[in-house]
Amino acid sequence: MRRIPEFGGYWHVIAGGIEQGESAVQAAERELREETGLLTHVGSGVSAREFVHAPTGEPADRDAQHDPSVVCVIVECFHVVAPPGWQPKLNHEHDAHRWCPPHEALRVLRWSGTAQALAQILPSA
């Protein structure tokens, strides 16, 4: 999914925060429903570490982790299977989507930790 320019304009997997009282799995299922309309259960998952420049929200290199303005965020990533022929219904956070092979998705994702998680989750990545 491509986030709208006001939200960065970059390609990313479906993502979002955990609301009070939710598990990571429940949050993932809710975010999928809200951002794409997909009603499903999430499969196996892995944790990823992302380094972020706190003032800007921009990705930081792992080498910058000792910079006081850089924070580490733990991201839970899950595997989901959509039914054949299913197409997402974009919400206000996205302006485009595309289906692509895993190796291409790894190349276009902005967040390196998320891309590494995707490589772990998808055997053909």
C-alpha atoms as a PDB file:
ATOM      1  CA  MET A   1       0.000   0.000   0.000  1.00  0.00           C
ATOM      2  CA  ARG A   2       1.243   3.519  -0.690  1.00  0.00           C
ATOM      3  CA  ARG A   3       0.620   6.009   2.066  1.00  0.00           C
ATOM      4  CA  ILE A   4      -0.804   9.377   0.992  1.00  0.00           C
ATOM      5  CA  PRO A   5       1.735  12.237   0.681  1.00  0.00           C
ATOM      6  CA  GLU A   6       0.566  13.754   3.978  1.00  0.00           C
ATOM      7  CA  PHE A   7       1.546  10.455   5.662  1.00  0.00           C
ATOM      8  CA  GLY A   8       4.898  10.183   3.887  1.00  0.00           C
ATOM      9  CA  GLY A   9       3.974   8.919   0.395  1.00  0.00           C
ATOM     10  CA  TYR A  10       5.951   5.690   0.760  1.00  0.00           C
ATOM     11  CA  TRP A  11       5.167   2.018   0.136  1.00  0.00           C
ATOM     12  CA  HIS A  12       4.503  -0.006   3.250  1.00  0.00           C
ATOM     13  CA  VAL A  13       2.697  -3.072   4.483  1.00  0.00           C
ATOM     14  CA  ILE A  14      -0.477  -2.548   6.510  1.00  0.00           C
ATOM     15  CA  ALA A  15       0.547  -1.153   9.878  1.00  0.00           C
ATOM     16  CA  GLY A  16      -0.781   0.533  12.973  1.00  0.00           C
ATOM     17  CA  GLY A  17      -0.671   0.731  16.714  1.00  0.00           C
ATOM     18  CA  ILE A  18      -2.061  -1.491  19.421  1.00  0.00           C
ATOM     19  CA  GLU A  19      -5.027   0.025  21.212  1.00  0.00           C
ATOM     20  CA  GLN A  20      -5.593  -0.406  24.930  1.00  0.00           C
ATOM     21  CA  GLY A  21      -6.824  -3.908  25.731  1.00  0.00           C
ATOM     22  CA  GLU A  22      -5.771  -5.375  22.366  1.00  0.00           C
ATOM     23  CA  SER A  23      -3.186  -8.040  21.688  1.00  0.00           C
ATOM     24  CA  ALA A  24      -0.795  -7.601  18.759  1.00  0.00           C
ATOM     25  CA  VAL A  25      -2.820 -10.175  16.792  1.00  0.00           C
ATOM     26  CA  GLN A  26      -6.110  -8.364  17.492  1.00  0.00           C
ATOM     27  CA  ALA A  27      -4.540  -5.057  16.458  1.00  0.00           C
ATOM     28  CA  ALA A  28      -3.238  -6.575  13.212  1.00  0.00           C
ATOM     29  CA  GLU A  29      -6.672  -7.958  12.356  1.00  0.00           C
ATOM     30  CA  ARG A  30      -8.322  -4.604  13.147  1.00  0.00           C
ATOM     31  CA  GLU A  31      -5.777  -2.644  11.077  1.00  0.00           C
ATOM     32  CA  LEU A  32      -6.288  -4.995   8.120  1.00  0.00           C
ATOM     33  CA  ARG A  33     -10.044  -4.477   8.340  1.00  0.00           C
ATOM     34  CA  GLU A  34      -9.773  -0.671   8.726  1.00  0.00           C
ATOM     35  CA  GLU A  35      -7.142  -0.102   6.030  1.00  0.00           C
ATOM     36  CA  THR A  36      -8.184  -2.676   3.414  1.00  0.00           C
ATOM     37  CA  GLY A  37     -11.589  -4.147   4.309  1.00  0.00           C
ATOM     38  CA  LEU A  38     -10.056  -7.624   4.671  1.00  0.00           C
ATOM     39  CA  LEU A  39     -11.723  -9.722   7.362  1.00  0.00           C
ATOM     40  CA  THR A  40      -9.343 -12.541   8.251  1.00  0.00           C
ATOM     41  CA  HIS A  41      -7.202 -14.066  10.935  1.00  0.00           C
ATOM     42  CA  VAL A  42      -3.481 -13.366  10.937  1.00  0.00           C
ATOM     43  CA  GLY A  43      -0.999 -16.208  10.788  1.00  0.00           C
ATOM     44  CA  SER A  44       2.473 -16.615  12.198  1.00  0.00           C
ATOM     45  CA  GLY A  45       4.550 -13.586  12.958  1.00  0.00           C
ATOM     46  CA  VAL A  46       7.973 -12.245  13.806  1.00  0.00           C
ATOM     47  CA  SER A  47       9.242  -9.186  15.635  1.00  0.00           C
ATOM     48  CA  ALA A  48      11.262  -6.511  13.868  1.00  0.00           C
ATOM     49  CA  ARG A  49      13.262  -3.591  15.200  1.00  0.00           C
ATOM     50  CA  GLU A  50      13.005  -0.236  13.477  1.00  0.00           C
ATOM     51  CA  PHE A  51      15.169   2.761  14.318  1.00  0.00           C
ATOM     52  CA  VAL A  52      13.423   6.115  13.966  1.00  0.00           C
ATOM     53  CA  HIS A  53      14.568   9.735  14.228  1.00  0.00           C
ATOM     54  CA  ALA A  54      12.057  10.794  16.914  1.00  0.00           C
ATOM     55  CA  PRO A  55      11.750  14.451  15.854  1.00  0.00           C
ATOM     56  CA  THR A  56      10.957  13.646  12.209  1.00  0.00           C
ATOM     57  CA  GLY A  57       9.629  10.072  12.140  1.00  0.00           C
ATOM     58  CA  GLU A  58      12.148   9.265   9.411  1.00  0.00           C
ATOM     59  CA  PRO A  59      13.973   5.917   9.344  1.00  0.00           C
ATOM     60  CA  ALA A  60      17.396   5.903  10.955  1.00  0.00           C
ATOM     61  CA  ASP A  61      20.321   3.647  10.159  1.00  0.00           C
ATOM     62  CA  ARG A  62      21.046   0.964  12.715  1.00  0.00           C
ATOM     63  CA  ASP A  63      24.447   2.675  13.136  1.00  0.00           C
ATOM     64  CA  ALA A  64      22.651   5.771  14.454  1.00  0.00           C
ATOM     65  CA  GLN A  65      21.067   3.906  17.363  1.00  0.00           C
ATOM     66  CA  HIS A  66      23.384   5.688  19.825  1.00  0.00           C
ATOM     67  CA  ASP A  67      22.123   9.087  18.682  1.00  0.00           C
ATOM     68  CA  PRO A  68      19.841  10.415  21.468  1.00  0.00           C
ATOM     69  CA  SER A  69      17.241  11.507  18.898  1.00  0.00           C
ATOM     70  CA  VAL A  70      16.907   7.940  17.577  1.00  0.00           C
ATOM     71  CA  VAL A  71      14.422   5.557  19.177  1.00  0.00           C
ATOM     72  CA  CYS A  72      13.989   1.829  18.660  1.00  0.00           C
ATOM     73  CA  VAL A  73      10.473   0.622  17.921  1.00  0.00           C
ATOM     74  CA  ILE A  74       9.533  -3.049  18.124  1.00  0.00           C
ATOM     75  CA  VAL A  75       7.156  -3.990  15.314  1.00  0.00           C
ATOM     76  CA  GLU A  76       5.169  -7.233  15.233  1.00  0.00           C
ATOM     77  CA  CYS A  77       4.802  -8.501  11.647  1.00  0.00           C
ATOM     78  CA  PHE A  78       2.307 -11.195  10.638  1.00  0.00           C
ATOM     79  CA  HIS A  79       1.603 -13.396   7.640  1.00  0.00           C
ATOM     80  CA  VAL A  80      -1.857 -13.062   6.092  1.00  0.00           C
ATOM     81  CA  VAL A  81      -3.419 -14.792   3.100  1.00  0.00           C
ATOM     82  CA  ALA A  82      -6.050 -12.946   1.077  1.00  0.00           C
ATOM     83  CA  PRO A  83      -8.655 -14.910  -0.903  1.00  0.00           C
ATOM     84  CA  PRO A  84      -7.985 -15.336  -4.643  1.00  0.00           C
ATOM     85  CA  GLY A  85      -9.119 -12.273  -6.592  1.00  0.00           C
ATOM     86  CA  TRP A  86      -9.536 -10.123  -3.482  1.00  0.00           C
ATOM     87  CA  GLN A  87      -8.702  -6.431  -3.880  1.00  0.00           C
ATOM     88  CA  PRO A  88      -8.262  -3.977  -1.003  1.00  0.00           C
ATOM     89  CA  LYS A  89     -10.620  -1.077  -0.400  1.00  0.00           C
ATOM     90  CA  LEU A  90      -8.247   1.817   0.301  1.00  0.00           C
ATOM     91  CA  ASN A  91      -8.964   3.967   3.319  1.00  0.00           C
ATOM     92  CA  HIS A  92      -8.003   7.635   3.795  1.00  0.00           C
ATOM     93  CA  GLU A  93      -4.380   6.692   4.670  1.00  0.00           C
ATOM     94  CA  HIS A  94      -3.532   5.190   1.244  1.00  0.00           C
ATOM     95  CA  ASP A  95      -3.753   6.284  -2.372  1.00  0.00           C
ATOM     96  CA  ALA A  96      -2.569   3.132  -4.179  1.00  0.00           C
ATOM     97  CA  HIS A  97      -1.864  -0.553  -3.798  1.00  0.00           C
ATOM     98  CA  ARG A  98      -0.070  -3.124  -5.871  1.00  0.00           C
ATOM     99  CA  TRP A  99       0.568  -6.821  -5.821  1.00  0.00           C
ATOM    100  CA  CYS A 100       4.184  -7.811  -6.384  1.00  0.00           C
ATOM    101  CA  PRO A 101       6.509 -10.739  -5.799  1.00  0.00           C
ATOM    102  CA  PRO A 102       8.214 -10.807  -2.393  1.00  0.00           C
ATOM    103  CA  HIS A 103      11.644  -9.824  -3.759  1.00  0.00           C
ATOM    104  CA  GLU A 104      10.138  -6.659  -5.273  1.00  0.00           C
ATOM    105  CA  ALA A 105       8.272  -5.822  -2.075  1.00  0.00           C
ATOM    106  CA  LEU A 106      11.541  -6.094  -0.148  1.00  0.00           C
ATOM    107  CA  ARG A 107      13.121  -3.617  -2.527  1.00  0.00           C
ATOM    108  CA  VAL A 108      10.406  -0.931  -2.310  1.00  0.00           C
ATOM    109  CA  LEU A 109       9.613  -1.017   1.409  1.00  0.00           C
ATOM    110  CA  ARG A 110      10.908   2.045   3.247  1.00  0.00           C
ATOM    111  CA  TRP A 111      11.488   0.404   6.623  1.00  0.00           C
ATOM    112  CA  SER A 112      14.387  -2.074   6.612  1.00  0.00           C
ATOM    113  CA  GLY A 113      13.335  -3.997   9.739  1.00  0.00           C
ATOM    114  CA  THR A 114       9.899  -4.607   8.269  1.00  0.00           C
ATOM    115  CA  ALA A 115      11.482  -5.762   5.008  1.00  0.00           C
ATOM    116  CA  GLN A 116      13.689  -8.201   6.946  1.00  0.00           C
ATOM    117  CA  ALA A 117      10.613  -9.519   8.789  1.00  0.00           C
ATOM    118  CA  LEU A 118       8.854 -10.006   5.453  1.00  0.00           C
ATOM    119  CA  ALA A 119      11.852 -12.001   4.212  1.00  0.00           C
ATOM    120  CA  GLN A 120      11.545 -14.263   7.281  1.00  0.00           C
ATOM    121  CA  ILE A 121       7.785 -14.726   6.969  1.00  0.00           C
ATOM    122  CA  LEU A 122       7.663 -15.423   3.230  1.00  0.00           C
ATOM    123  CA  PRO A 123       9.824 -18.382   2.225  1.00  0.00           C
ATOM    124  CA  SER A 124      10.093 -17.230  -1.392  1.00  0.00           C
ATOM    125  CA  ALA A 125      11.364 -13.764  -0.447  1.00  0.00           C
END
